[in-house]
Amino acid sequence: MTKRESQIRGLGATACTAHPKVLRNIAKQLEEHNIVSTQELQIARRMGIVATSPVGRAGFNDGILFPYELSTGGPASAPVIPEAAVASVEWKKPEKRKLHAIALLVDFSDNYGMRRPKDFEKLLFDKANPNSMTNFYRQLSYGALEITGEVIGYVRAPQPYSYYTAAESGTGSNYPQNTPGLLNDALTIFCRNDNLARFDTDNDGFVDAIF
């Protein structure tokens, strides 16, 4: 294994190898738009196609799975990239892991849910569907990651769609008029008659995955 392959695999085992044309297109996009997510930038830097330092909002498309202050002990306002995340390491076959995800379908008084929940079940978790998310990650992880899940809903949000998007597609910082606000409202309604315990397979206090 070459040094570069070792570096890239240090960021996570993958069964996919990008075509040279894809790499050139990534470099072009980076140059045109200046910045991407922290995780993508780490990979791009290790592949030698960009030398830019990461800039962005902590937790927004950067691979952060847990509250920053819990994972690092530092303030959420001062994110840094752990050296271990970009270190050159020898690749080892990852241990097998299981995740049980929740796909919580939400609709609104001004934007009804039209697609059948069964469609999302097939798209995400159906092992018989070769293009499902479950099979995608099984292949991508060399069989190390098994994802199961449940499609729940529709849950009717207490506020209209326009309230949560707030002219910023839900990405604004004016909580609760954004995606975190919607998530909190939807989970509050869900938990009135159910709970999230089965979606925390490793009992670490965090839901394995939510869509």
N, C-alpha and C. Protein backbone atom coordinates (compact mmCIF):
# COMPACT_ATOMS: atom_id res chain seq x y z
N MET A 1 0.85 -1.20 0.00
CA MET A 1 0.00 0.00 0.00
C MET A 1 0.88 1.25 0.00
N THR A 2 0.58 2.21 -0.84
CA THR A 2 1.35 3.43 -0.90
C THR A 2 1.05 4.33 0.28
N LYS A 3 1.91 5.33 0.48
CA LYS A 3 1.72 6.27 1.58
C LYS A 3 0.40 7.02 1.43
N ARG A 4 0.09 7.44 0.19
CA ARG A 4 -1.16 8.19 -0.03
C ARG A 4 -2.37 7.31 0.24
N GLU A 5 -2.35 6.06 -0.19
CA GLU A 5 -3.46 5.16 0.08
C GLU A 5 -3.64 4.97 1.57
N SER A 6 -2.52 4.87 2.30
CA SER A 6 -2.59 4.73 3.74
C SER A 6 -3.23 5.95 4.39
N GLN A 7 -2.86 7.12 3.89
CA GLN A 7 -3.42 8.36 4.43
C GLN A 7 -4.91 8.43 4.22
N ILE A 8 -5.36 8.11 3.01
CA ILE A 8 -6.78 8.19 2.70
C ILE A 8 -7.56 7.16 3.50
N ARG A 9 -7.04 5.96 3.61
CA ARG A 9 -7.74 4.95 4.38
C ARG A 9 -7.76 5.28 5.86
N GLY A 10 -6.81 6.07 6.31
CA GLY A 10 -6.82 6.53 7.69
C GLY A 10 -8.03 7.37 8.01
N LEU A 11 -8.65 7.94 6.99
CA LEU A 11 -9.86 8.74 7.17
C LEU A 11 -11.11 7.88 7.12
N GLY A 12 -10.98 6.59 6.85
CA GLY A 12 -12.13 5.70 6.83
C GLY A 12 -12.04 4.72 5.68
N ALA A 13 -12.24 3.45 5.99
CA ALA A 13 -12.17 2.42 4.96
C ALA A 13 -13.29 2.61 3.94
N THR A 14 -12.95 2.43 2.68
CA THR A 14 -13.95 2.57 1.63
C THR A 14 -13.65 1.62 0.50
N ALA A 15 -14.72 1.11 -0.10
CA ALA A 15 -14.56 0.21 -1.23
C ALA A 15 -14.56 0.96 -2.55
N CYS A 16 -14.64 2.28 -2.50
CA CYS A 16 -14.74 3.09 -3.72
C CYS A 16 -13.41 3.77 -4.04
N THR A 17 -13.05 3.77 -5.30
CA THR A 17 -11.88 4.50 -5.77
C THR A 17 -12.33 5.50 -6.83
N ALA A 18 -12.04 6.76 -6.60
CA ALA A 18 -12.50 7.80 -7.53
C ALA A 18 -11.71 7.76 -8.83
N HIS A 19 -12.39 7.97 -9.94
CA HIS A 19 -11.75 8.07 -11.25
C HIS A 19 -10.97 9.38 -11.32
N PRO A 20 -9.84 9.39 -12.04
CA PRO A 20 -9.05 10.63 -12.17
C PRO A 20 -9.87 11.83 -12.62
N LYS A 21 -10.85 11.61 -13.50
CA LYS A 21 -11.69 12.71 -13.95
C LYS A 21 -12.50 13.29 -12.78
N VAL A 22 -12.93 12.38 -11.88
CA VAL A 22 -13.68 12.83 -10.71
C VAL A 22 -12.80 13.69 -9.83
N LEU A 23 -11.55 13.26 -9.63
CA LEU A 23 -10.63 14.03 -8.80
C LEU A 23 -10.35 15.41 -9.40
N ARG A 24 -10.21 15.45 -10.72
CA ARG A 24 -9.98 16.74 -11.37
C ARG A 24 -11.19 17.65 -11.22
N ASN A 25 -12.38 17.07 -11.27
CA ASN A 25 -13.60 17.85 -11.11
C ASN A 25 -13.73 18.38 -9.69
N ILE A 26 -13.33 17.55 -8.70
CA ILE A 26 -13.35 17.99 -7.31
C ILE A 26 -12.43 19.19 -7.13
N ALA A 27 -11.22 19.08 -7.69
CA ALA A 27 -10.26 20.17 -7.58
C ALA A 27 -10.82 21.45 -8.22
N LYS A 28 -11.49 21.30 -9.34
CA LYS A 28 -12.08 22.45 -10.03
C LYS A 28 -13.16 23.09 -9.17
N GLN A 29 -14.01 22.26 -8.57
CA GLN A 29 -15.09 22.77 -7.73
C GLN A 29 -14.54 23.47 -6.49
N LEU A 30 -13.50 22.91 -5.92
CA LEU A 30 -12.87 23.52 -4.75
C LEU A 30 -12.34 24.91 -5.08
N GLU A 31 -11.72 25.00 -6.25
CA GLU A 31 -11.14 26.27 -6.68
C GLU A 31 -12.23 27.30 -6.95
N GLU A 32 -13.33 26.86 -7.58
CA GLU A 32 -14.39 27.79 -7.95
C GLU A 32 -15.20 28.26 -6.74
N HIS A 33 -15.43 27.36 -5.79
CA HIS A 33 -16.31 27.69 -4.66
C HIS A 33 -15.57 27.92 -3.35
N ASN A 34 -14.27 27.80 -3.40
CA ASN A 34 -13.39 28.17 -2.27
C ASN A 34 -13.38 27.20 -1.10
N ILE A 35 -14.51 26.63 -0.74
CA ILE A 35 -14.54 25.84 0.48
C ILE A 35 -15.58 24.73 0.38
N VAL A 36 -15.31 23.63 1.06
CA VAL A 36 -16.27 22.54 1.20
C VAL A 36 -16.34 22.18 2.67
N SER A 37 -17.02 21.09 3.00
CA SER A 37 -17.11 20.69 4.40
C SER A 37 -15.74 20.25 4.91
N THR A 38 -15.59 20.27 6.23
CA THR A 38 -14.31 19.90 6.84
C THR A 38 -13.89 18.50 6.46
N GLN A 39 -14.84 17.55 6.51
CA GLN A 39 -14.49 16.16 6.21
C GLN A 39 -14.03 16.01 4.77
N GLU A 40 -14.74 16.63 3.83
CA GLU A 40 -14.35 16.57 2.43
C GLU A 40 -13.00 17.24 2.22
N LEU A 41 -12.76 18.31 2.94
CA LEU A 41 -11.51 19.03 2.79
C LEU A 41 -10.34 18.21 3.32
N GLN A 42 -10.56 17.46 4.40
CA GLN A 42 -9.52 16.59 4.92
C GLN A 42 -9.09 15.59 3.85
N ILE A 43 -10.08 14.97 3.21
CA ILE A 43 -9.78 13.98 2.18
C ILE A 43 -9.08 14.63 1.00
N ALA A 44 -9.59 15.79 0.58
CA ALA A 44 -8.99 16.48 -0.56
C ALA A 44 -7.54 16.86 -0.29
N ARG A 45 -7.27 17.30 0.93
CA ARG A 45 -5.89 17.67 1.28
C ARG A 45 -4.98 16.46 1.24
N ARG A 46 -5.47 15.31 1.75
CA ARG A 46 -4.66 14.10 1.76
C ARG A 46 -4.44 13.53 0.36
N MET A 47 -5.35 13.85 -0.55
CA MET A 47 -5.21 13.39 -1.93
C MET A 47 -4.33 14.34 -2.74
N GLY A 48 -3.93 15.44 -2.13
CA GLY A 48 -3.02 16.36 -2.79
C GLY A 48 -3.66 17.26 -3.80
N ILE A 49 -4.99 17.46 -3.72
CA ILE A 49 -5.64 18.30 -4.74
C ILE A 49 -6.05 19.65 -4.18
N VAL A 50 -5.77 19.91 -2.91
CA VAL A 50 -6.07 21.21 -2.33
C VAL A 50 -5.17 21.44 -1.13
N ALA A 51 -4.82 22.70 -0.88
CA ALA A 51 -3.95 23.01 0.26
C ALA A 51 -4.60 24.08 1.14
N THR A 52 -5.93 24.17 1.10
CA THR A 52 -6.65 25.19 1.84
C THR A 52 -6.97 24.72 3.24
N SER A 53 -6.92 25.62 4.21
CA SER A 53 -7.32 25.28 5.57
C SER A 53 -8.83 25.30 5.69
N PRO A 54 -9.43 24.39 6.51
CA PRO A 54 -10.88 24.31 6.61
C PRO A 54 -11.49 25.50 7.31
N VAL A 55 -12.62 25.98 6.77
CA VAL A 55 -13.37 27.06 7.38
C VAL A 55 -14.85 26.69 7.30
N GLY A 56 -15.59 26.89 8.36
CA GLY A 56 -17.02 26.56 8.30
C GLY A 56 -17.65 26.52 9.67
N ARG A 57 -18.92 26.18 9.70
CA ARG A 57 -19.68 26.10 10.94
C ARG A 57 -19.58 24.72 11.54
N ALA A 58 -19.17 24.60 12.79
CA ALA A 58 -19.01 23.30 13.44
C ALA A 58 -20.32 22.55 13.43
N GLY A 59 -20.25 21.28 13.00
CA GLY A 59 -21.42 20.44 12.97
C GLY A 59 -22.22 20.50 11.70
N PHE A 60 -21.82 21.35 10.75
CA PHE A 60 -22.56 21.51 9.50
C PHE A 60 -21.80 20.84 8.37
N ASN A 61 -22.20 19.63 8.02
CA ASN A 61 -21.55 18.86 6.95
C ASN A 61 -20.06 18.65 7.19
N ASP A 62 -19.67 18.44 8.44
CA ASP A 62 -18.25 18.26 8.72
C ASP A 62 -17.92 16.94 9.41
N GLY A 63 -18.90 16.05 9.47
CA GLY A 63 -18.64 14.74 10.06
C GLY A 63 -18.73 14.70 11.57
N ILE A 64 -19.08 15.79 12.23
CA ILE A 64 -19.22 15.80 13.68
C ILE A 64 -20.52 15.10 14.05
N LEU A 65 -20.41 14.02 14.84
CA LEU A 65 -21.58 13.22 15.18
C LEU A 65 -22.13 13.54 16.56
N PHE A 66 -21.29 14.07 17.44
CA PHE A 66 -21.70 14.35 18.80
C PHE A 66 -21.49 15.83 19.10
N PRO A 67 -22.15 16.34 20.14
CA PRO A 67 -21.91 17.74 20.53
C PRO A 67 -20.42 17.98 20.72
N TYR A 68 -19.94 19.05 20.15
CA TYR A 68 -18.50 19.31 20.14
C TYR A 68 -17.89 19.32 21.54
N GLU A 69 -18.59 19.94 22.48
CA GLU A 69 -18.04 20.05 23.83
C GLU A 69 -17.94 18.70 24.52
N LEU A 70 -18.79 17.72 24.12
CA LEU A 70 -18.73 16.40 24.72
C LEU A 70 -17.62 15.56 24.12
N SER A 71 -17.36 15.76 22.83
CA SER A 71 -16.36 14.93 22.17
C SER A 71 -14.94 15.43 22.39
N THR A 72 -14.76 16.69 22.74
CA THR A 72 -13.42 17.24 22.87
C THR A 72 -13.14 17.88 24.22
N GLY A 73 -14.19 18.22 24.96
CA GLY A 73 -13.99 18.90 26.22
C GLY A 73 -13.77 20.39 26.06
N GLY A 74 -13.83 20.88 24.82
CA GLY A 74 -13.60 22.30 24.56
C GLY A 74 -14.88 23.02 24.24
N PRO A 75 -14.84 24.32 24.13
CA PRO A 75 -16.03 25.10 23.81
C PRO A 75 -16.48 24.88 22.39
N ALA A 76 -17.79 24.87 22.19
CA ALA A 76 -18.35 24.60 20.87
C ALA A 76 -17.98 25.68 19.86
N SER A 77 -17.58 26.85 20.35
CA SER A 77 -17.29 27.96 19.44
C SER A 77 -15.87 27.93 18.90
N ALA A 78 -15.06 26.96 19.32
CA ALA A 78 -13.67 26.93 18.87
C ALA A 78 -13.29 25.56 18.33
N PRO A 79 -13.90 25.14 17.19
CA PRO A 79 -13.62 23.81 16.67
C PRO A 79 -12.21 23.69 16.10
N VAL A 80 -11.64 22.50 16.29
CA VAL A 80 -10.35 22.18 15.68
C VAL A 80 -10.46 20.79 15.10
N ILE A 81 -9.58 20.46 14.17
CA ILE A 81 -9.56 19.13 13.59
C ILE A 81 -8.58 18.27 14.37
N PRO A 82 -9.02 17.19 15.03
CA PRO A 82 -8.10 16.33 15.76
C PRO A 82 -7.03 15.77 14.82
N GLU A 83 -5.79 15.73 15.31
CA GLU A 83 -4.70 15.23 14.49
C GLU A 83 -4.97 13.80 14.05
N ALA A 84 -5.62 13.01 14.93
CA ALA A 84 -5.88 11.61 14.60
C ALA A 84 -6.74 11.47 13.38
N ALA A 85 -7.56 12.49 13.09
CA ALA A 85 -8.48 12.40 11.97
C ALA A 85 -7.77 12.50 10.63
N VAL A 86 -6.59 13.09 10.62
CA VAL A 86 -5.88 13.27 9.35
C VAL A 86 -4.51 12.61 9.37
N ALA A 87 -4.21 11.85 10.40
CA ALA A 87 -2.90 11.23 10.50
C ALA A 87 -2.75 10.09 9.49
N SER A 88 -1.52 9.87 9.07
CA SER A 88 -1.23 8.75 8.19
C SER A 88 -1.13 7.49 9.03
N VAL A 89 -2.00 6.53 8.79
CA VAL A 89 -2.01 5.29 9.56
C VAL A 89 -2.12 4.12 8.62
N GLU A 90 -1.67 2.98 9.07
CA GLU A 90 -1.83 1.76 8.31
C GLU A 90 -3.27 1.29 8.44
N TRP A 91 -3.84 0.91 7.30
CA TRP A 91 -5.25 0.50 7.31
C TRP A 91 -5.42 -0.86 7.94
N LYS A 92 -6.44 -0.98 8.79
CA LYS A 92 -6.81 -2.25 9.39
C LYS A 92 -8.29 -2.48 9.12
N LYS A 93 -8.63 -3.74 8.91
CA LYS A 93 -10.02 -4.06 8.65
C LYS A 93 -10.86 -3.66 9.85
N PRO A 94 -11.87 -2.83 9.65
CA PRO A 94 -12.66 -2.34 10.78
C PRO A 94 -13.49 -3.44 11.43
N GLU A 95 -13.76 -3.27 12.72
CA GLU A 95 -14.62 -4.21 13.42
C GLU A 95 -16.05 -4.04 12.94
N LYS A 96 -16.78 -5.12 12.95
CA LYS A 96 -18.17 -5.07 12.51
C LYS A 96 -19.01 -4.27 13.49
N ARG A 97 -19.94 -3.50 12.93
CA ARG A 97 -20.79 -2.65 13.75
C ARG A 97 -22.20 -2.63 13.19
N LYS A 98 -23.18 -2.55 14.08
CA LYS A 98 -24.57 -2.48 13.68
C LYS A 98 -25.17 -1.15 14.12
N LEU A 99 -25.96 -0.56 13.23
CA LEU A 99 -26.68 0.67 13.54
C LEU A 99 -28.16 0.45 13.25
N HIS A 100 -29.01 0.98 14.12
CA HIS A 100 -30.45 0.93 13.88
C HIS A 100 -30.95 2.37 13.79
N ALA A 101 -31.30 2.78 12.58
CA ALA A 101 -31.62 4.18 12.32
C ALA A 101 -33.13 4.42 12.34
N ILE A 102 -33.49 5.67 12.59
CA ILE A 102 -34.87 6.10 12.50
C ILE A 102 -35.01 7.09 11.35
N ALA A 103 -35.94 6.82 10.48
CA ALA A 103 -36.28 7.75 9.39
C ALA A 103 -37.63 8.34 9.74
N LEU A 104 -37.62 9.56 10.23
CA LEU A 104 -38.83 10.21 10.74
C LEU A 104 -39.40 11.12 9.65
N LEU A 105 -40.50 10.68 9.06
CA LEU A 105 -41.13 11.46 8.00
C LEU A 105 -41.99 12.55 8.61
N VAL A 106 -41.80 13.76 8.11
CA VAL A 106 -42.51 14.93 8.64
C VAL A 106 -43.23 15.63 7.51
N ASP A 107 -44.47 16.04 7.77
CA ASP A 107 -45.13 16.92 6.81
C ASP A 107 -45.69 18.13 7.54
N PHE A 108 -46.32 19.03 6.77
CA PHE A 108 -46.69 20.34 7.30
C PHE A 108 -48.08 20.73 6.82
N SER A 109 -48.66 21.67 7.51
CA SER A 109 -49.99 22.14 7.11
C SER A 109 -49.98 22.79 5.74
N ASP A 110 -48.81 23.31 5.34
CA ASP A 110 -48.70 23.95 4.03
C ASP A 110 -47.81 23.16 3.06
N ASN A 111 -47.49 21.89 3.42
CA ASN A 111 -46.67 21.05 2.55
C ASN A 111 -46.89 19.59 2.97
N TYR A 112 -47.89 18.97 2.35
CA TYR A 112 -48.28 17.62 2.74
C TYR A 112 -47.27 16.58 2.27
N GLY A 113 -47.11 15.53 3.08
CA GLY A 113 -46.29 14.40 2.67
C GLY A 113 -47.03 13.56 1.66
N MET A 114 -46.46 13.37 0.49
CA MET A 114 -47.15 12.70 -0.61
C MET A 114 -46.61 11.28 -0.87
N ARG A 115 -45.34 11.08 -0.62
CA ARG A 115 -44.73 9.80 -0.95
C ARG A 115 -45.01 8.76 0.13
N ARG A 116 -45.23 7.52 -0.28
CA ARG A 116 -45.57 6.47 0.67
C ARG A 116 -44.37 6.12 1.56
N PRO A 117 -44.62 5.86 2.85
CA PRO A 117 -43.52 5.43 3.73
C PRO A 117 -42.82 4.18 3.21
N LYS A 118 -43.55 3.28 2.54
CA LYS A 118 -42.93 2.07 2.01
C LYS A 118 -41.85 2.39 0.98
N ASP A 119 -42.01 3.50 0.27
CA ASP A 119 -40.99 3.90 -0.71
C ASP A 119 -39.67 4.22 -0.01
N PHE A 120 -39.76 4.88 1.13
CA PHE A 120 -38.55 5.24 1.88
C PHE A 120 -37.94 3.99 2.53
N GLU A 121 -38.81 3.06 2.93
CA GLU A 121 -38.32 1.80 3.50
C GLU A 121 -37.47 1.06 2.47
N LYS A 122 -37.96 1.00 1.24
CA LYS A 122 -37.21 0.32 0.18
C LYS A 122 -35.93 1.07 -0.15
N LEU A 123 -36.01 2.38 -0.19
CA LEU A 123 -34.85 3.21 -0.55
C LEU A 123 -33.74 3.11 0.49
N LEU A 124 -34.12 3.06 1.77
CA LEU A 124 -33.12 3.13 2.83
C LEU A 124 -32.68 1.77 3.36
N PHE A 125 -33.63 0.91 3.72
CA PHE A 125 -33.30 -0.26 4.54
C PHE A 125 -33.57 -1.62 3.91
N ASP A 126 -34.10 -1.67 2.72
CA ASP A 126 -34.49 -2.93 2.11
C ASP A 126 -33.26 -3.70 1.61
N LYS A 127 -32.96 -4.84 2.25
CA LYS A 127 -31.80 -5.63 1.86
C LYS A 127 -31.99 -6.26 0.48
N ALA A 128 -33.25 -6.40 0.06
CA ALA A 128 -33.52 -6.98 -1.25
C ALA A 128 -33.32 -5.97 -2.38
N ASN A 129 -33.20 -4.71 -2.02
CA ASN A 129 -32.94 -3.66 -3.00
C ASN A 129 -31.43 -3.43 -3.09
N PRO A 130 -30.81 -3.80 -4.19
CA PRO A 130 -29.34 -3.66 -4.29
C PRO A 130 -28.87 -2.21 -4.18
N ASN A 131 -29.77 -1.26 -4.42
CA ASN A 131 -29.39 0.15 -4.37
C ASN A 131 -29.82 0.84 -3.07
N SER A 132 -30.23 0.07 -2.09
CA SER A 132 -30.64 0.68 -0.81
C SER A 132 -29.44 1.21 -0.05
N MET A 133 -29.70 2.11 0.88
CA MET A 133 -28.64 2.64 1.71
C MET A 133 -27.96 1.54 2.51
N THR A 134 -28.75 0.58 3.00
CA THR A 134 -28.19 -0.53 3.76
C THR A 134 -27.14 -1.28 2.96
N ASN A 135 -27.47 -1.60 1.72
CA ASN A 135 -26.52 -2.33 0.88
C ASN A 135 -25.35 -1.46 0.44
N PHE A 136 -25.60 -0.17 0.25
CA PHE A 136 -24.54 0.75 -0.12
C PHE A 136 -23.45 0.77 0.96
N TYR A 137 -23.86 0.91 2.22
CA TYR A 137 -22.86 0.98 3.28
C TYR A 137 -22.25 -0.38 3.60
N ARG A 138 -22.98 -1.45 3.34
CA ARG A 138 -22.38 -2.77 3.50
C ARG A 138 -21.23 -2.94 2.52
N GLN A 139 -21.47 -2.52 1.28
CA GLN A 139 -20.42 -2.62 0.26
C GLN A 139 -19.28 -1.65 0.54
N LEU A 140 -19.63 -0.42 0.90
CA LEU A 140 -18.63 0.61 1.12
C LEU A 140 -17.70 0.26 2.28
N SER A 141 -18.22 -0.45 3.28
CA SER A 141 -17.44 -0.77 4.49
C SER A 141 -16.84 -2.17 4.45
N TYR A 142 -16.88 -2.80 3.29
CA TYR A 142 -16.39 -4.18 3.17
C TYR A 142 -17.15 -5.12 4.10
N GLY A 143 -18.43 -4.87 4.30
CA GLY A 143 -19.25 -5.74 5.13
C GLY A 143 -19.16 -5.46 6.61
N ALA A 144 -18.44 -4.41 7.00
CA ALA A 144 -18.23 -4.13 8.42
C ALA A 144 -19.40 -3.39 9.05
N LEU A 145 -20.21 -2.69 8.25
CA LEU A 145 -21.30 -1.88 8.81
C LEU A 145 -22.64 -2.40 8.32
N GLU A 146 -23.47 -2.79 9.28
CA GLU A 146 -24.82 -3.26 8.97
C GLU A 146 -25.83 -2.25 9.48
N ILE A 147 -26.58 -1.65 8.57
CA ILE A 147 -27.57 -0.65 8.94
C ILE A 147 -28.98 -1.21 8.74
N THR A 148 -29.74 -1.21 9.82
CA THR A 148 -31.16 -1.50 9.76
C THR A 148 -31.89 -0.23 10.18
N GLY A 149 -33.21 -0.25 10.11
CA GLY A 149 -33.90 0.96 10.51
C GLY A 149 -35.41 0.85 10.37
N GLU A 150 -36.07 1.90 10.79
CA GLU A 150 -37.53 1.98 10.72
C GLU A 150 -37.94 3.32 10.14
N VAL A 151 -38.94 3.27 9.28
CA VAL A 151 -39.53 4.48 8.73
C VAL A 151 -40.78 4.80 9.55
N ILE A 152 -40.80 5.97 10.18
CA ILE A 152 -41.89 6.39 11.05
C ILE A 152 -42.61 7.59 10.44
N GLY A 153 -43.91 7.57 10.48
CA GLY A 153 -44.63 8.77 10.06
C GLY A 153 -45.66 8.50 8.98
N TYR A 154 -46.28 9.58 8.67
CA TYR A 154 -45.87 10.97 8.79
C TYR A 154 -46.22 11.58 10.16
N VAL A 155 -45.32 12.43 10.66
CA VAL A 155 -45.57 13.25 11.83
C VAL A 155 -45.87 14.67 11.36
N ARG A 156 -46.98 15.23 11.81
CA ARG A 156 -47.33 16.59 11.41
C ARG A 156 -46.62 17.60 12.32
N ALA A 157 -45.78 18.42 11.72
CA ALA A 157 -45.06 19.45 12.47
C ALA A 157 -46.05 20.50 13.00
N PRO A 158 -45.78 21.04 14.18
CA PRO A 158 -46.71 22.02 14.76
C PRO A 158 -46.70 23.37 14.05
N GLN A 159 -45.65 23.64 13.28
CA GLN A 159 -45.55 24.91 12.55
C GLN A 159 -45.53 24.62 11.05
N PRO A 160 -45.91 25.57 10.21
CA PRO A 160 -45.88 25.35 8.76
C PRO A 160 -44.45 25.23 8.22
N TYR A 161 -44.36 24.69 7.03
CA TYR A 161 -43.07 24.50 6.36
C TYR A 161 -42.30 25.81 6.26
N SER A 162 -43.01 26.89 5.95
CA SER A 162 -42.37 28.19 5.78
C SER A 162 -41.73 28.69 7.08
N TYR A 163 -42.26 28.24 8.20
CA TYR A 163 -41.70 28.65 9.51
C TYR A 163 -40.29 28.09 9.68
N TYR A 164 -40.12 26.82 9.34
CA TYR A 164 -38.83 26.16 9.56
C TYR A 164 -37.80 26.51 8.48
N THR A 165 -38.25 26.68 7.25
CA THR A 165 -37.29 27.04 6.20
C THR A 165 -36.85 28.49 6.33
N ALA A 166 -37.77 29.37 6.71
CA ALA A 166 -37.45 30.77 7.02
C ALA A 166 -36.60 31.44 5.95
N ALA A 167 -36.89 31.12 4.70
CA ALA A 167 -36.19 31.71 3.55
C ALA A 167 -34.70 31.35 3.51
N GLU A 168 -34.30 30.35 4.31
CA GLU A 168 -32.89 29.91 4.32
C GLU A 168 -32.78 28.41 4.19
N SER A 169 -33.84 27.77 3.70
CA SER A 169 -33.86 26.31 3.51
C SER A 169 -33.59 25.54 4.80
N GLY A 170 -33.91 26.16 5.93
CA GLY A 170 -33.74 25.49 7.21
C GLY A 170 -32.34 25.54 7.77
N THR A 171 -31.42 26.23 7.08
CA THR A 171 -30.02 26.24 7.52
C THR A 171 -29.66 27.47 8.36
N GLY A 172 -30.63 28.30 8.65
CA GLY A 172 -30.35 29.51 9.42
C GLY A 172 -30.02 29.21 10.87
N SER A 173 -29.56 30.22 11.58
CA SER A 173 -29.17 30.07 12.99
C SER A 173 -30.23 30.57 13.95
N ASN A 174 -31.38 30.97 13.43
CA ASN A 174 -32.44 31.53 14.27
C ASN A 174 -33.33 30.40 14.82
N TYR A 175 -32.81 29.66 15.76
CA TYR A 175 -33.58 28.57 16.37
C TYR A 175 -34.80 29.13 17.12
N PRO A 176 -35.96 28.50 17.00
CA PRO A 176 -36.26 27.20 16.39
C PRO A 176 -36.74 27.27 14.95
N GLN A 177 -36.54 28.39 14.28
CA GLN A 177 -36.97 28.49 12.88
C GLN A 177 -35.89 27.98 11.94
N ASN A 178 -35.53 26.72 12.13
CA ASN A 178 -34.52 26.07 11.29
C ASN A 178 -34.65 24.55 11.44
N THR A 179 -33.75 23.82 10.83
CA THR A 179 -33.84 22.35 10.86
C THR A 179 -33.72 21.78 12.27
N PRO A 180 -32.80 22.26 13.12
CA PRO A 180 -32.78 21.75 14.50
C PRO A 180 -34.11 21.98 15.22
N GLY A 181 -34.75 23.10 14.97
CA GLY A 181 -36.04 23.36 15.58
C GLY A 181 -37.09 22.37 15.11
N LEU A 182 -37.08 22.07 13.82
CA LEU A 182 -38.00 21.08 13.27
C LEU A 182 -37.74 19.71 13.87
N LEU A 183 -36.47 19.34 13.97
CA LEU A 183 -36.13 18.04 14.53
C LEU A 183 -36.61 17.93 15.97
N ASN A 184 -36.41 18.97 16.76
CA ASN A 184 -36.86 18.96 18.14
C ASN A 184 -38.38 18.80 18.22
N ASP A 185 -39.10 19.53 17.39
CA ASP A 185 -40.56 19.45 17.41
C ASP A 185 -41.04 18.06 16.98
N ALA A 186 -40.43 17.52 15.93
CA ALA A 186 -40.86 16.21 15.42
C ALA A 186 -40.58 15.11 16.43
N LEU A 187 -39.40 15.16 17.06
CA LEU A 187 -39.06 14.14 18.05
C LEU A 187 -39.93 14.27 19.30
N THR A 188 -40.28 15.48 19.67
CA THR A 188 -41.16 15.69 20.82
C THR A 188 -42.51 15.02 20.58
N ILE A 189 -43.04 15.17 19.38
CA ILE A 189 -44.31 14.54 19.04
C ILE A 189 -44.16 13.02 19.00
N PHE A 190 -43.10 12.54 18.39
CA PHE A 190 -42.86 11.09 18.31
C PHE A 190 -42.77 10.47 19.70
N CYS A 191 -42.07 11.13 20.61
CA CYS A 191 -41.81 10.56 21.93
C CYS A 191 -43.02 10.63 22.88
N ARG A 192 -44.10 11.24 22.44
CA ARG A 192 -45.31 11.23 23.26
C ARG A 192 -45.89 9.82 23.37
N ASN A 193 -45.70 9.02 22.32
CA ASN A 193 -46.25 7.67 22.30
C ASN A 193 -45.20 6.59 22.06
N ASP A 194 -43.95 6.98 22.00
CA ASP A 194 -42.88 6.03 21.71
C ASP A 194 -41.61 6.56 22.35
N ASN A 195 -40.47 5.89 22.14
CA ASN A 195 -39.19 6.38 22.65
C ASN A 195 -38.08 5.98 21.70
N LEU A 196 -36.90 6.51 21.94
CA LEU A 196 -35.77 6.34 21.03
C LEU A 196 -34.78 5.27 21.49
N ALA A 197 -35.10 4.54 22.55
CA ALA A 197 -34.13 3.61 23.14
C ALA A 197 -33.62 2.58 22.13
N ARG A 198 -34.50 2.06 21.29
CA ARG A 198 -34.09 1.01 20.36
C ARG A 198 -33.20 1.53 19.23
N PHE A 199 -33.11 2.84 19.10
CA PHE A 199 -32.25 3.43 18.08
C PHE A 199 -30.87 3.80 18.62
N ASP A 200 -30.57 3.34 19.82
CA ASP A 200 -29.25 3.54 20.43
C ASP A 200 -28.67 2.16 20.74
N THR A 201 -28.17 1.49 19.72
CA THR A 201 -27.76 0.10 19.87
C THR A 201 -26.52 -0.08 20.75
N ASP A 202 -25.67 0.94 20.84
CA ASP A 202 -24.46 0.81 21.66
C ASP A 202 -24.61 1.45 23.04
N ASN A 203 -25.82 1.93 23.33
CA ASN A 203 -26.12 2.49 24.65
C ASN A 203 -25.18 3.60 25.08
N ASP A 204 -24.83 4.47 24.11
CA ASP A 204 -23.95 5.58 24.46
C ASP A 204 -24.72 6.88 24.72
N GLY A 205 -26.06 6.78 24.69
CA GLY A 205 -26.87 7.96 24.96
C GLY A 205 -27.19 8.78 23.73
N PHE A 206 -26.74 8.31 22.54
CA PHE A 206 -27.01 9.03 21.30
C PHE A 206 -27.70 8.09 20.31
N VAL A 207 -28.68 8.63 19.58
CA VAL A 207 -29.34 7.87 18.53
C VAL A 207 -28.30 7.52 17.46
N ASP A 208 -28.36 6.27 16.97
CA ASP A 208 -27.37 5.82 15.99
C ASP A 208 -27.39 6.68 14.73
N ALA A 209 -28.59 6.91 14.20
CA ALA A 209 -28.73 7.73 12.99
C ALA A 209 -30.18 8.15 12.88
N ILE A 210 -30.39 9.37 12.38
CA ILE A 210 -31.75 9.86 12.18
C ILE A 210 -31.83 10.58 10.85
N PHE A 211 -32.92 10.31 10.15
CA PHE A 211 -33.15 10.93 8.85
C PHE A 211 -34.48 11.67 8.89
